[in-house]
Amino acid sequence: MNKIIVLLALVSSSALSAYKCKIDGRTIYQDAPCPNAEKIAIQRPAEGSLDNRFHHQIMMHKISIGMSKRHVRLSWGEPDDINRSGYSGMVREQWVYKRGRHQMQFIHFENGIVTSWSES
C-alpha cells in the first residue's frame, strides 16, 4: 500500500504560512483554512544560513516545510533527479530520492523553499 504524505504551504516573498488541519483523522498542512484550522507562520531562512530551528531535523535526517535547498541537502543528501518548471517569476522544483526498489520520495520547492513532500 502506498503511503502519501502531502504538506502544502503558501510561499510569499518574506515568509511561509500554512494551516494545520485534521482531515479524516490525518494532520494535513495546506495553504487554505479549514474548520478549526491552526495558522502556522514560518519565517523564510536566509539562503546559506543554517537556521537553528532546522538543526534537529537535519541531525535526524528529516525535512520540514520552510527548509532551504541547502538544509535538505544536509539532511538527505543530493537528490537522484531534479525536475524544474517556472512561470511568472515562480520557480518550482521537484527533487526525487529513490529509496529502494519500489519506493521514491519527492520534495517540492517553490523559489528554493520546501512547500511539500510525498512518498510512493
PDB file of N, CA and C in Angstrom:
ATOM      1  N   MET A   1       0.846  -1.185   0.000  1.00  0.00           N
ATOM      2  CA  MET A   1       0.000   0.000   0.000  1.00  0.00           C
ATOM      3  C   MET A   1       0.881   1.234   0.000  1.00  0.00           C
ATOM      4  N   ASN A   2       0.553   2.178  -0.844  1.00  0.00           N
ATOM      5  CA  ASN A   2       1.338   3.401  -0.927  1.00  0.00           C
ATOM      6  C   ASN A   2       0.958   4.340   0.195  1.00  0.00           C
ATOM      7  N   LYS A   3       1.974   4.915   0.806  1.00  0.00           N
ATOM      8  CA  LYS A   3       1.739   5.941   1.812  1.00  0.00           C
ATOM      9  C   LYS A   3       2.015   7.278   1.161  1.00  0.00           C
ATOM     10  N   ILE A   4       1.102   8.207   1.331  1.00  0.00           N
ATOM     11  CA  ILE A   4       1.317   9.530   0.761  1.00  0.00           C
ATOM     12  C   ILE A   4       1.171  10.567   1.858  1.00  0.00           C
ATOM     13  N   ILE A   5       2.178  11.380   1.982  1.00  0.00           N
ATOM     14  CA  ILE A   5       2.148  12.491   2.923  1.00  0.00           C
ATOM     15  C   ILE A   5       2.293  13.754   2.095  1.00  0.00           C
ATOM     16  N   VAL A   6       1.317  14.606   2.173  1.00  0.00           N
ATOM     17  CA  VAL A   6       1.392  15.836   1.399  1.00  0.00           C
ATOM     18  C   VAL A   6       1.212  17.015   2.338  1.00  0.00           C
ATOM     19  N   LEU A   7       2.164  17.898   2.313  1.00  0.00           N
ATOM     20  CA  LEU A   7       2.094  19.114   3.105  1.00  0.00           C
ATOM     21  C   LEU A   7       2.278  20.286   2.163  1.00  0.00           C
ATOM     22  N   LEU A   8       1.346  21.233   2.209  1.00  0.00           N
ATOM     23  CA  LEU A   8       1.414  22.381   1.316  1.00  0.00           C
ATOM     24  C   LEU A   8       1.517  23.660   2.119  1.00  0.00           C
ATOM     25  N   ALA A   9       2.238  24.613   1.598  1.00  0.00           N
ATOM     26  CA  ALA A   9       2.333  25.927   2.227  1.00  0.00           C
ATOM     27  C   ALA A   9       2.336  26.986   1.151  1.00  0.00           C
ATOM     28  N   LEU A  10       1.801  28.121   1.474  1.00  0.00           N
ATOM     29  CA  LEU A  10       1.778  29.249   0.563  1.00  0.00           C
ATOM     30  C   LEU A  10       3.082  30.011   0.703  1.00  0.00           C
ATOM     31  N   VAL A  11       3.747  30.255  -0.406  1.00  0.00           N
ATOM     32  CA  VAL A  11       5.025  30.944  -0.374  1.00  0.00           C
ATOM     33  C   VAL A  11       4.814  32.407  -0.719  1.00  0.00           C
ATOM     34  N   SER A  12       5.333  33.285   0.102  1.00  0.00           N
ATOM     35  CA  SER A  12       5.340  34.707  -0.197  1.00  0.00           C
ATOM     36  C   SER A  12       6.783  35.161  -0.237  1.00  0.00           C
ATOM     37  N   SER A  13       7.015  36.415  -0.513  1.00  0.00           N
ATOM     38  CA  SER A  13       8.384  36.892  -0.659  1.00  0.00           C
ATOM     39  C   SER A  13       9.133  36.913   0.653  1.00  0.00           C
ATOM     40  N   SER A  14       8.467  37.029   1.797  1.00  0.00           N
ATOM     41  CA  SER A  14       9.191  37.141   3.047  1.00  0.00           C
ATOM     42  C   SER A  14       8.920  36.016   4.036  1.00  0.00           C
ATOM     43  N   ALA A  15       7.831  35.306   3.907  1.00  0.00           N
ATOM     44  CA  ALA A  15       7.508  34.272   4.893  1.00  0.00           C
ATOM     45  C   ALA A  15       6.660  33.193   4.255  1.00  0.00           C
ATOM     46  N   LEU A  16       6.596  32.070   4.926  1.00  0.00           N
ATOM     47  CA  LEU A  16       5.714  30.976   4.548  1.00  0.00           C
ATOM     48  C   LEU A  16       4.590  30.937   5.569  1.00  0.00           C
ATOM     49  N   SER A  17       3.392  30.589   5.109  1.00  0.00           N
ATOM     50  CA  SER A  17       2.302  30.390   6.052  1.00  0.00           C
ATOM     51  C   SER A  17       1.507  29.184   5.605  1.00  0.00           C
ATOM     52  N   ALA A  18       0.957  28.486   6.561  1.00  0.00           N
ATOM     53  CA  ALA A  18       0.173  27.295   6.270  1.00  0.00           C
ATOM     54  C   ALA A  18      -0.885  27.140   7.353  1.00  0.00           C
ATOM     55  N   TYR A  19      -1.839  26.259   7.080  1.00  0.00           N
ATOM     56  CA  TYR A  19      -2.873  25.927   8.061  1.00  0.00           C
ATOM     57  C   TYR A  19      -2.751  24.456   8.410  1.00  0.00           C
ATOM     58  N   LYS A  20      -2.769  24.167   9.688  1.00  0.00           N
ATOM     59  CA  LYS A  20      -2.717  22.787  10.177  1.00  0.00           C
ATOM     60  C   LYS A  20      -4.150  22.322  10.370  1.00  0.00           C
ATOM     61  N   CYS A  21      -4.547  21.297   9.622  1.00  0.00           N
ATOM     62  CA  CYS A  21      -5.927  20.821   9.633  1.00  0.00           C
ATOM     63  C   CYS A  21      -5.968  19.326   9.962  1.00  0.00           C
ATOM     64  N   LYS A  22      -7.038  18.905  10.601  1.00  0.00           N
ATOM     65  CA  LYS A  22      -7.305  17.485  10.826  1.00  0.00           C
ATOM     66  C   LYS A  22      -8.391  17.072   9.847  1.00  0.00           C
ATOM     67  N   ILE A  23      -8.044  16.176   8.915  1.00  0.00           N
ATOM     68  CA  ILE A  23      -8.996  15.701   7.912  1.00  0.00           C
ATOM     69  C   ILE A  23      -8.971  14.185   7.909  1.00  0.00           C
ATOM     70  N   ASP A  24     -10.104  13.570   8.159  1.00  0.00           N
ATOM     71  CA  ASP A  24     -10.219  12.104   8.207  1.00  0.00           C
ATOM     72  C   ASP A  24      -9.188  11.482   9.139  1.00  0.00           C
ATOM     73  N   GLY A  25      -8.944  12.128  10.290  1.00  0.00           N
ATOM     74  CA  GLY A  25      -8.016  11.585  11.273  1.00  0.00           C
ATOM     75  C   GLY A  25      -6.551  11.821  10.965  1.00  0.00           C
ATOM     76  N   ARG A  26      -6.258  12.494   9.864  1.00  0.00           N
ATOM     77  CA  ARG A  26      -4.869  12.788   9.497  1.00  0.00           C
ATOM     78  C   ARG A  26      -4.603  14.271   9.658  1.00  0.00           C
ATOM     79  N   THR A  27      -3.378  14.620   9.979  1.00  0.00           N
ATOM     80  CA  THR A  27      -2.980  16.018  10.035  1.00  0.00           C
ATOM     81  C   THR A  27      -2.457  16.414   8.666  1.00  0.00           C
ATOM     82  N   ILE A  28      -3.026  17.469   8.112  1.00  0.00           N
ATOM     83  CA  ILE A  28      -2.669  17.972   6.788  1.00  0.00           C
ATOM     84  C   ILE A  28      -2.266  19.435   6.928  1.00  0.00           C
ATOM     85  N   TYR A  29      -1.229  19.843   6.220  1.00  0.00           N
ATOM     86  CA  TYR A  29      -0.829  21.242   6.156  1.00  0.00           C
ATOM     87  C   TYR A  29      -1.174  21.745   4.764  1.00  0.00           C
ATOM     88  N   GLN A  30      -1.905  22.870   4.702  1.00  0.00           N
ATOM     89  CA  GLN A  30      -2.321  23.386   3.413  1.00  0.00           C
ATOM     90  C   GLN A  30      -2.353  24.902   3.444  1.00  0.00           C
ATOM     91  N   ASP A  31      -2.486  25.525   2.257  1.00  0.00           N
ATOM     92  CA  ASP A  31      -2.462  26.977   2.175  1.00  0.00           C
ATOM     93  C   ASP A  31      -3.825  27.629   2.382  1.00  0.00           C
ATOM     94  N   ALA A  32      -4.890  26.849   2.444  1.00  0.00           N
ATOM     95  CA  ALA A  32      -6.238  27.379   2.654  1.00  0.00           C
ATOM     96  C   ALA A  32      -6.759  26.943   4.025  1.00  0.00           C
ATOM     97  N   PRO A  33      -7.483  27.821   4.716  1.00  0.00           N
ATOM     98  CA  PRO A  33      -8.014  27.435   6.027  1.00  0.00           C
ATOM     99  C   PRO A  33      -9.091  26.365   5.913  1.00  0.00           C
ATOM    100  N   CYS A  34      -9.245  25.593   6.959  1.00  0.00           N
ATOM    101  CA  CYS A  34     -10.296  24.599   7.071  1.00  0.00           C
ATOM    102  C   CYS A  34     -10.969  24.802   8.434  1.00  0.00           C
ATOM    103  N   PRO A  35     -12.073  24.125   8.721  1.00  0.00           N
ATOM    104  CA  PRO A  35     -12.710  24.294  10.034  1.00  0.00           C
ATOM    105  C   PRO A  35     -11.717  23.967  11.155  1.00  0.00           C
ATOM    106  N   ASN A  36     -11.675  24.819  12.153  1.00  0.00           N
ATOM    107  CA  ASN A  36     -10.797  24.652  13.319  1.00  0.00           C
ATOM    108  C   ASN A  36      -9.313  24.595  12.945  1.00  0.00           C
ATOM    109  N   ALA A  37      -8.934  25.293  11.887  1.00  0.00           N
ATOM    110  CA  ALA A  37      -7.538  25.292  11.443  1.00  0.00           C
ATOM    111  C   ALA A  37      -6.665  26.116  12.375  1.00  0.00           C
ATOM    112  N   GLU A  38      -5.433  25.677  12.518  1.00  0.00           N
ATOM    113  CA  GLU A  38      -4.421  26.423  13.259  1.00  0.00           C
ATOM    114  C   GLU A  38      -3.467  27.029  12.232  1.00  0.00           C
ATOM    115  N   LYS A  39      -3.379  28.368  12.188  1.00  0.00           N
ATOM    116  CA  LYS A  39      -2.491  29.025  11.232  1.00  0.00           C
ATOM    117  C   LYS A  39      -1.063  28.977  11.753  1.00  0.00           C
ATOM    118  N   ILE A  40      -0.150  28.592  10.871  1.00  0.00           N
ATOM    119  CA  ILE A  40       1.253  28.467  11.226  1.00  0.00           C
ATOM    120  C   ILE A  40       2.054  29.424  10.353  1.00  0.00           C
ATOM    121  N   ALA A  41       2.832  30.290  10.964  1.00  0.00           N
ATOM    122  CA  ALA A  41       3.703  31.203  10.215  1.00  0.00           C
ATOM    123  C   ALA A  41       5.134  30.689  10.322  1.00  0.00           C
ATOM    124  N   ILE A  42       5.785  30.605   9.195  1.00  0.00           N
ATOM    125  CA  ILE A  42       7.159  30.105   9.153  1.00  0.00           C
ATOM    126  C   ILE A  42       8.009  31.182   8.491  1.00  0.00           C
ATOM    127  N   GLN A  43       9.017  31.656   9.186  1.00  0.00           N
ATOM    128  CA  GLN A  43       9.896  32.673   8.625  1.00  0.00           C
ATOM    129  C   GLN A  43      10.811  32.059   7.590  1.00  0.00           C
ATOM    130  N   ARG A  44      11.016  32.781   6.506  1.00  0.00           N
ATOM    131  CA  ARG A  44      11.906  32.333   5.437  1.00  0.00           C
ATOM    132  C   ARG A  44      13.344  32.468   5.920  1.00  0.00           C
ATOM    133  N   PRO A  45      14.115  31.372   5.898  1.00  0.00           N
ATOM    134  CA  PRO A  45      15.514  31.460   6.307  1.00  0.00           C
ATOM    135  C   PRO A  45      16.340  32.153   5.232  1.00  0.00           C
ATOM    136  N   ALA A  46      17.383  32.845   5.631  1.00  0.00           N
ATOM    137  CA  ALA A  46      18.296  33.455   4.663  1.00  0.00           C
ATOM    138  C   ALA A  46      19.044  32.337   3.956  1.00  0.00           C
ATOM    139  N   GLU A  47      19.166  32.437   2.637  1.00  0.00           N
ATOM    140  CA  GLU A  47      19.879  31.408   1.869  1.00  0.00           C
ATOM    141  C   GLU A  47      21.309  31.324   2.385  1.00  0.00           C
ATOM    142  N   GLY A  48      21.768  30.133   2.637  1.00  0.00           N
ATOM    143  CA  GLY A  48      23.129  29.927   3.114  1.00  0.00           C
ATOM    144  C   GLY A  48      23.236  29.869   4.632  1.00  0.00           C
ATOM    145  N   SER A  49      22.188  30.308   5.341  1.00  0.00           N
ATOM    146  CA  SER A  49      22.263  30.253   6.799  1.00  0.00           C
ATOM    147  C   SER A  49      21.802  28.878   7.269  1.00  0.00           C
ATOM    148  N   LEU A  50      22.325  28.440   8.379  1.00  0.00           N
ATOM    149  CA  LEU A  50      21.869  27.183   8.967  1.00  0.00           C
ATOM    150  C   LEU A  50      20.982  27.540  10.147  1.00  0.00           C
ATOM    151  N   ASP A  51      19.723  27.704   9.885  1.00  0.00           N
ATOM    152  CA  ASP A  51      18.744  28.121  10.868  1.00  0.00           C
ATOM    153  C   ASP A  51      18.677  27.106  12.010  1.00  0.00           C
ATOM    154  N   ASN A  52      18.773  27.585  13.251  1.00  0.00           N
ATOM    155  CA  ASN A  52      18.769  26.692  14.412  1.00  0.00           C
ATOM    156  C   ASN A  52      17.501  25.857  14.520  1.00  0.00           C
ATOM    157  N   ARG A  53      16.366  26.350  14.022  1.00  0.00           N
ATOM    158  CA  ARG A  53      15.123  25.581  14.171  1.00  0.00           C
ATOM    159  C   ARG A  53      15.119  24.335  13.312  1.00  0.00           C
ATOM    160  N   PHE A  54      16.010  24.258  12.317  1.00  0.00           N
ATOM    161  CA  PHE A  54      16.094  23.070  11.479  1.00  0.00           C
ATOM    162  C   PHE A  54      17.242  22.153  11.881  1.00  0.00           C
ATOM    163  N   HIS A  55      18.032  22.560  12.836  1.00  0.00           N
ATOM    164  CA  HIS A  55      19.207  21.772  13.232  1.00  0.00           C
ATOM    165  C   HIS A  55      18.814  20.354  13.651  1.00  0.00           C
ATOM    166  N   HIS A  56      17.802  20.235  14.491  1.00  0.00           N
ATOM    167  CA  HIS A  56      17.381  18.904  14.971  1.00  0.00           C
ATOM    168  C   HIS A  56      16.882  18.033  13.818  1.00  0.00           C
ATOM    169  N   GLN A  57      16.059  18.608  12.918  1.00  0.00           N
ATOM    170  CA  GLN A  57      15.564  17.824  11.783  1.00  0.00           C
ATOM    171  C   GLN A  57      16.721  17.341  10.915  1.00  0.00           C
ATOM    172  N   ILE A  58      17.698  18.201  10.675  1.00  0.00           N
ATOM    173  CA  ILE A  58      18.850  17.817   9.862  1.00  0.00           C
ATOM    174  C   ILE A  58      19.616  16.684  10.534  1.00  0.00           C
ATOM    175  N   MET A  59      19.834  16.790  11.822  1.00  0.00           N
ATOM    176  CA  MET A  59      20.568  15.745  12.547  1.00  0.00           C
ATOM    177  C   MET A  59      19.812  14.412  12.547  1.00  0.00           C
ATOM    178  N   MET A  60      18.475  14.465  12.474  1.00  0.00           N
ATOM    179  CA  MET A  60      17.646  13.259  12.465  1.00  0.00           C
ATOM    180  C   MET A  60      17.310  12.819  11.032  1.00  0.00           C
ATOM    181  N   HIS A  61      17.886  13.486  10.026  1.00  0.00           N
ATOM    182  CA  HIS A  61      17.665  13.178   8.608  1.00  0.00           C
ATOM    183  C   HIS A  61      16.196  13.314   8.227  1.00  0.00           C
ATOM    184  N   LYS A  62      15.571  14.383   8.719  1.00  0.00           N
ATOM    185  CA  LYS A  62      14.180  14.684   8.401  1.00  0.00           C
ATOM    186  C   LYS A  62      14.128  16.000   7.649  1.00  0.00           C
ATOM    187  N   ILE A  63      12.989  16.266   7.002  1.00  0.00           N
ATOM    188  CA  ILE A  63      12.792  17.545   6.329  1.00  0.00           C
ATOM    189  C   ILE A  63      11.580  18.236   6.914  1.00  0.00           C
ATOM    190  N   SER A  64      11.456  19.530   6.613  1.00  0.00           N
ATOM    191  CA  SER A  64      10.364  20.316   7.162  1.00  0.00           C
ATOM    192  C   SER A  64      10.008  21.434   6.186  1.00  0.00           C
ATOM    193  N   ILE A  65       8.739  21.815   6.166  1.00  0.00           N
ATOM    194  CA  ILE A  65       8.317  22.964   5.372  1.00  0.00           C
ATOM    195  C   ILE A  65       9.127  24.173   5.821  1.00  0.00           C
ATOM    196  N   GLY A  66       9.584  24.942   4.849  1.00  0.00           N
ATOM    197  CA  GLY A  66      10.364  26.139   5.156  1.00  0.00           C
ATOM    198  C   GLY A  66      11.858  25.955   5.008  1.00  0.00           C
ATOM    199  N   MET A  67      12.307  24.694   4.902  1.00  0.00           N
ATOM    200  CA  MET A  67      13.740  24.449   4.722  1.00  0.00           C
ATOM    201  C   MET A  67      14.199  24.961   3.359  1.00  0.00           C
ATOM    202  N   SER A  68      15.446  25.380   3.299  1.00  0.00           N
ATOM    203  CA  SER A  68      16.053  25.760   2.027  1.00  0.00           C
ATOM    204  C   SER A  68      16.623  24.508   1.358  1.00  0.00           C
ATOM    205  N   LYS A  69      17.062  24.654   0.119  1.00  0.00           N
ATOM    206  CA  LYS A  69      17.690  23.530  -0.578  1.00  0.00           C
ATOM    207  C   LYS A  69      18.947  23.078   0.166  1.00  0.00           C
ATOM    208  N   ARG A  70      19.668  24.014   0.710  1.00  0.00           N
ATOM    209  CA  ARG A  70      20.875  23.663   1.474  1.00  0.00           C
ATOM    210  C   ARG A  70      20.527  22.784   2.676  1.00  0.00           C
ATOM    211  N   HIS A  71      19.473  23.136   3.403  1.00  0.00           N
ATOM    212  CA  HIS A  71      19.040  22.333   4.554  1.00  0.00           C
ATOM    213  C   HIS A  71      18.706  20.906   4.123  1.00  0.00           C
ATOM    214  N   VAL A  72      17.982  20.773   3.010  1.00  0.00           N
ATOM    215  CA  VAL A  72      17.581  19.448   2.526  1.00  0.00           C
ATOM    216  C   VAL A  72      18.806  18.639   2.124  1.00  0.00           C
ATOM    217  N   ARG A  73      19.746  19.263   1.443  1.00  0.00           N
ATOM    218  CA  ARG A  73      20.973  18.541   1.067  1.00  0.00           C
ATOM    219  C   ARG A  73      21.725  18.062   2.307  1.00  0.00           C
ATOM    220  N   LEU A  74      21.775  18.886   3.345  1.00  0.00           N
ATOM    221  CA  LEU A  74      22.451  18.476   4.576  1.00  0.00           C
ATOM    222  C   LEU A  74      21.715  17.324   5.255  1.00  0.00           C
ATOM    223  N   SER A  75      20.387  17.308   5.151  1.00  0.00           N
ATOM    224  CA  SER A  75      19.580  16.284   5.800  1.00  0.00           C
ATOM    225  C   SER A  75      19.523  14.986   5.005  1.00  0.00           C
ATOM    226  N   TRP A  76      19.253  15.059   3.700  1.00  0.00           N
ATOM    227  CA  TRP A  76      19.028  13.860   2.881  1.00  0.00           C
ATOM    228  C   TRP A  76      20.092  13.623   1.830  1.00  0.00           C
ATOM    229  N   GLY A  77      20.982  14.574   1.613  1.00  0.00           N
ATOM    230  CA  GLY A  77      21.995  14.422   0.576  1.00  0.00           C
ATOM    231  C   GLY A  77      21.486  14.892  -0.772  1.00  0.00           C
ATOM    232  N   GLU A  78      22.257  14.595  -1.817  1.00  0.00           N
ATOM    233  CA  GLU A  78      21.895  15.008  -3.175  1.00  0.00           C
ATOM    234  C   GLU A  78      20.735  14.162  -3.698  1.00  0.00           C
ATOM    235  N   PRO A  79      19.790  14.790  -4.403  1.00  0.00           N
ATOM    236  CA  PRO A  79      18.676  14.027  -4.972  1.00  0.00           C
ATOM    237  C   PRO A  79      19.140  13.176  -6.148  1.00  0.00           C
ATOM    238  N   ASP A  80      18.378  12.130  -6.450  1.00  0.00           N
ATOM    239  CA  ASP A  80      18.668  11.291  -7.611  1.00  0.00           C
ATOM    240  C   ASP A  80      18.255  11.979  -8.908  1.00  0.00           C
ATOM    241  N   ASP A  81      17.268  12.854  -8.824  1.00  0.00           N
ATOM    242  CA  ASP A  81      16.805  13.566 -10.012  1.00  0.00           C
ATOM    243  C   ASP A  81      16.163  14.874  -9.566  1.00  0.00           C
ATOM    244  N   ILE A  82      16.186  15.888 -10.449  1.00  0.00           N
ATOM    245  CA  ILE A  82      15.542  17.171 -10.177  1.00  0.00           C
ATOM    246  C   ILE A  82      14.699  17.537 -11.394  1.00  0.00           C
ATOM    247  N   ASN A  83      13.408  17.807 -11.175  1.00  0.00           N
ATOM    248  CA  ASN A  83      12.506  18.277 -12.226  1.00  0.00           C
ATOM    249  C   ASN A  83      12.198  19.745 -11.945  1.00  0.00           C
ATOM    250  N   ARG A  84      12.315  20.599 -12.972  1.00  0.00           N
ATOM    251  CA  ARG A  84      12.115  22.038 -12.803  1.00  0.00           C
ATOM    252  C   ARG A  84      11.015  22.556 -13.715  1.00  0.00           C
ATOM    253  N   SER A  85      10.303  23.575 -13.218  1.00  0.00           N
ATOM    254  CA  SER A  85       9.352  24.315 -14.042  1.00  0.00           C
ATOM    255  C   SER A  85       9.305  25.740 -13.513  1.00  0.00           C
ATOM    256  N   GLY A  86       8.826  26.651 -14.332  1.00  0.00           N
ATOM    257  CA  GLY A  86       8.742  28.033 -13.894  1.00  0.00           C
ATOM    258  C   GLY A  86       7.709  28.798 -14.692  1.00  0.00           C
ATOM    259  N   TYR A  87       7.130  29.808 -14.064  1.00  0.00           N
ATOM    260  CA  TYR A  87       6.193  30.693 -14.724  1.00  0.00           C
ATOM    261  C   TYR A  87       6.026  31.941 -13.872  1.00  0.00           C
ATOM    262  N   SER A  88       5.822  33.070 -14.510  1.00  0.00           N
ATOM    263  CA  SER A  88       5.566  34.357 -13.833  1.00  0.00           C
ATOM    264  C   SER A  88       6.520  34.617 -12.673  1.00  0.00           C
ATOM    265  N   GLY A  89       7.787  34.320 -12.865  1.00  0.00           N
ATOM    266  CA  GLY A  89       8.772  34.569 -11.812  1.00  0.00           C
ATOM    267  C   GLY A  89       8.827  33.518 -10.723  1.00  0.00           C
ATOM    268  N   MET A  90       7.975  32.508 -10.779  1.00  0.00           N
ATOM    269  CA  MET A  90       7.952  31.431  -9.780  1.00  0.00           C
ATOM    270  C   MET A  90       8.767  30.261 -10.315  1.00  0.00           C
ATOM    271  N   VAL A  91       9.687  29.777  -9.522  1.00  0.00           N
ATOM    272  CA  VAL A  91      10.485  28.609  -9.909  1.00  0.00           C
ATOM    273  C   VAL A  91      10.075  27.450  -9.015  1.00  0.00           C
ATOM    274  N   ARG A  92       9.636  26.367  -9.639  1.00  0.00           N
ATOM    275  CA  ARG A  92       9.252  25.165  -8.895  1.00  0.00           C
ATOM    276  C   ARG A  92      10.211  24.045  -9.218  1.00  0.00           C
ATOM    277  N   GLU A  93      10.567  23.280  -8.193  1.00  0.00           N
ATOM    278  CA  GLU A  93      11.420  22.113  -8.383  1.00  0.00           C
ATOM    279  C   GLU A  93      10.836  20.943  -7.622  1.00  0.00           C
ATOM    280  N   GLN A  94      11.019  19.767  -8.192  1.00  0.00           N
ATOM    281  CA  GLN A  94      10.664  18.518  -7.521  1.00  0.00           C
ATOM    282  C   GLN A  94      11.952  17.709  -7.446  1.00  0.00           C
ATOM    283  N   TRP A  95      12.392  17.420  -6.224  1.00  0.00           N
ATOM    284  CA  TRP A  95      13.570  16.588  -6.031  1.00  0.00           C
ATOM    285  C   TRP A  95      13.099  15.164  -5.793  1.00  0.00           C
ATOM    286  N   VAL A  96      13.743  14.216  -6.455  1.00  0.00           N
ATOM    287  CA  VAL A  96      13.364  12.814  -6.375  1.00  0.00           C
ATOM    288  C   VAL A  96      14.472  12.032  -5.681  1.00  0.00           C
ATOM    289  N   TYR A  97      14.096  11.301  -4.646  1.00  0.00           N
ATOM    290  CA  TYR A  97      15.017  10.422  -3.929  1.00  0.00           C
ATOM    291  C   TYR A  97      14.514   8.994  -4.091  1.00  0.00           C
ATOM    292  N   LYS A  98      15.342   8.128  -4.636  1.00  0.00           N
ATOM    293  CA  LYS A  98      14.971   6.720  -4.813  1.00  0.00           C
ATOM    294  C   LYS A  98      15.410   5.964  -3.566  1.00  0.00           C
ATOM    295  N   ARG A  99      14.445   5.366  -2.896  1.00  0.00           N
ATOM    296  CA  ARG A  99      14.682   4.659  -1.632  1.00  0.00           C
ATOM    297  C   ARG A  99      14.342   3.198  -1.809  1.00  0.00           C
ATOM    298  N   GLY A 100      15.258   2.444  -2.323  1.00  0.00           N
ATOM    299  CA  GLY A 100      14.983   1.029  -2.543  1.00  0.00           C
ATOM    300  C   GLY A 100      14.376   0.792  -3.908  1.00  0.00           C
ATOM    301  N   ARG A 101      13.940  -0.412  -4.101  1.00  0.00           N
ATOM    302  CA  ARG A 101      13.498  -0.851  -5.421  1.00  0.00           C
ATOM    303  C   ARG A 101      12.204  -0.203  -5.900  1.00  0.00           C
ATOM    304  N   HIS A 102      11.240  -0.019  -5.005  1.00  0.00           N
ATOM    305  CA  HIS A 102       9.929   0.481  -5.435  1.00  0.00           C
ATOM    306  C   HIS A 102       9.482   1.732  -4.688  1.00  0.00           C
ATOM    307  N   GLN A 103      10.316   2.288  -3.854  1.00  0.00           N
ATOM    308  CA  GLN A 103       9.892   3.433  -3.068  1.00  0.00           C
ATOM    309  C   GLN A 103      10.659   4.684  -3.493  1.00  0.00           C
ATOM    310  N   MET A 104       9.911   5.769  -3.676  1.00  0.00           N
ATOM    311  CA  MET A 104      10.524   7.047  -4.004  1.00  0.00           C
ATOM    312  C   MET A 104       9.937   8.116  -3.100  1.00  0.00           C
ATOM    313  N   GLN A 105      10.737   9.123  -2.809  1.00  0.00           N
ATOM    314  CA  GLN A 105      10.282  10.271  -2.038  1.00  0.00           C
ATOM    315  C   GLN A 105      10.490  11.520  -2.892  1.00  0.00           C
ATOM    316  N   PHE A 106       9.536  12.438  -2.807  1.00  0.00           N
ATOM    317  CA  PHE A 106       9.562  13.652  -3.608  1.00  0.00           C
ATOM    318  C   PHE A 106       9.504  14.855  -2.672  1.00  0.00           C
ATOM    319  N   ILE A 107      10.359  15.826  -2.923  1.00  0.00           N
ATOM    320  CA  ILE A 107      10.324  17.082  -2.171  1.00  0.00           C
ATOM    321  C   ILE A 107      10.027  18.186  -3.179  1.00  0.00           C
ATOM    322  N   HIS A 108       9.070  19.049  -2.834  1.00  0.00           N
ATOM    323  CA  HIS A 108       8.643  20.119  -3.723  1.00  0.00           C
ATOM    324  C   HIS A 108       9.101  21.470  -3.171  1.00  0.00           C
ATOM    325  N   PHE A 109       9.709  22.261  -4.036  1.00  0.00           N
ATOM    326  CA  PHE A 109      10.212  23.583  -3.670  1.00  0.00           C
ATOM    327  C   PHE A 109       9.527  24.643  -4.521  1.00  0.00           C
ATOM    328  N   GLU A 110       9.298  25.796  -3.928  1.00  0.00           N
ATOM    329  CA  GLU A 110       8.910  26.983  -4.675  1.00  0.00           C
ATOM    330  C   GLU A 110       9.897  28.070  -4.298  1.00  0.00           C
ATOM    331  N   ASN A 111      10.560  28.610  -5.315  1.00  0.00           N
ATOM    332  CA  ASN A 111      11.597  29.625  -5.118  1.00  0.00           C
ATOM    333  C   ASN A 111      12.621  29.201  -4.071  1.00  0.00           C
ATOM    334  N   GLY A 112      13.005  27.928  -4.091  1.00  0.00           N
ATOM    335  CA  GLY A 112      14.081  27.424  -3.254  1.00  0.00           C
ATOM    336  C   GLY A 112      13.706  27.022  -1.848  1.00  0.00           C
ATOM    337  N   ILE A 113      12.406  27.018  -1.514  1.00  0.00           N
ATOM    338  CA  ILE A 113      11.942  26.679  -0.167  1.00  0.00           C
ATOM    339  C   ILE A 113      10.989  25.491  -0.239  1.00  0.00           C
ATOM    340  N   VAL A 114      11.138  24.531   0.692  1.00  0.00           N
ATOM    341  CA  VAL A 114      10.273  23.348   0.738  1.00  0.00           C
ATOM    342  C   VAL A 114       8.840  23.774   1.017  1.00  0.00           C
ATOM    343  N   THR A 115       7.921  23.316   0.131  1.00  0.00           N
ATOM    344  CA  THR A 115       6.494  23.585   0.332  1.00  0.00           C
ATOM    345  C   THR A 115       5.689  22.318   0.586  1.00  0.00           C
ATOM    346  N   SER A 116       6.231  21.149   0.156  1.00  0.00           N
ATOM    347  CA  SER A 116       5.529  19.885   0.399  1.00  0.00           C
ATOM    348  C   SER A 116       6.473  18.729   0.099  1.00  0.00           C
ATOM    349  N   TRP A 117       6.064  17.527   0.524  1.00  0.00           N
ATOM    350  CA  TRP A 117       6.787  16.318   0.173  1.00  0.00           C
ATOM    351  C   TRP A 117       5.814  15.155   0.183  1.00  0.00           C
ATOM    352  N   SER A 118       6.182  14.094  -0.505  1.00  0.00           N
ATOM    353  CA  SER A 118       5.326  12.919  -0.561  1.00  0.00           C
ATOM    354  C   SER A 118       6.180  11.674  -0.755  1.00  0.00           C
ATOM    355  N   GLU A 119       5.587  10.524  -0.486  1.00  0.00           N
ATOM    356  CA  GLU A 119       6.244   9.230  -0.637  1.00  0.00           C
ATOM    357  C   GLU A 119       5.382   8.351  -1.511  1.00  0.00           C
ATOM    358  N   SER A 120       6.018   7.444  -2.247  1.00  0.00           N
ATOM    359  CA  SER A 120       5.243   6.466  -3.011  1.00  0.00           C
ATOM    360  C   SER A 120       5.734   5.086  -2.685  1.00  0.00           C
TER     361      SER A 120
END
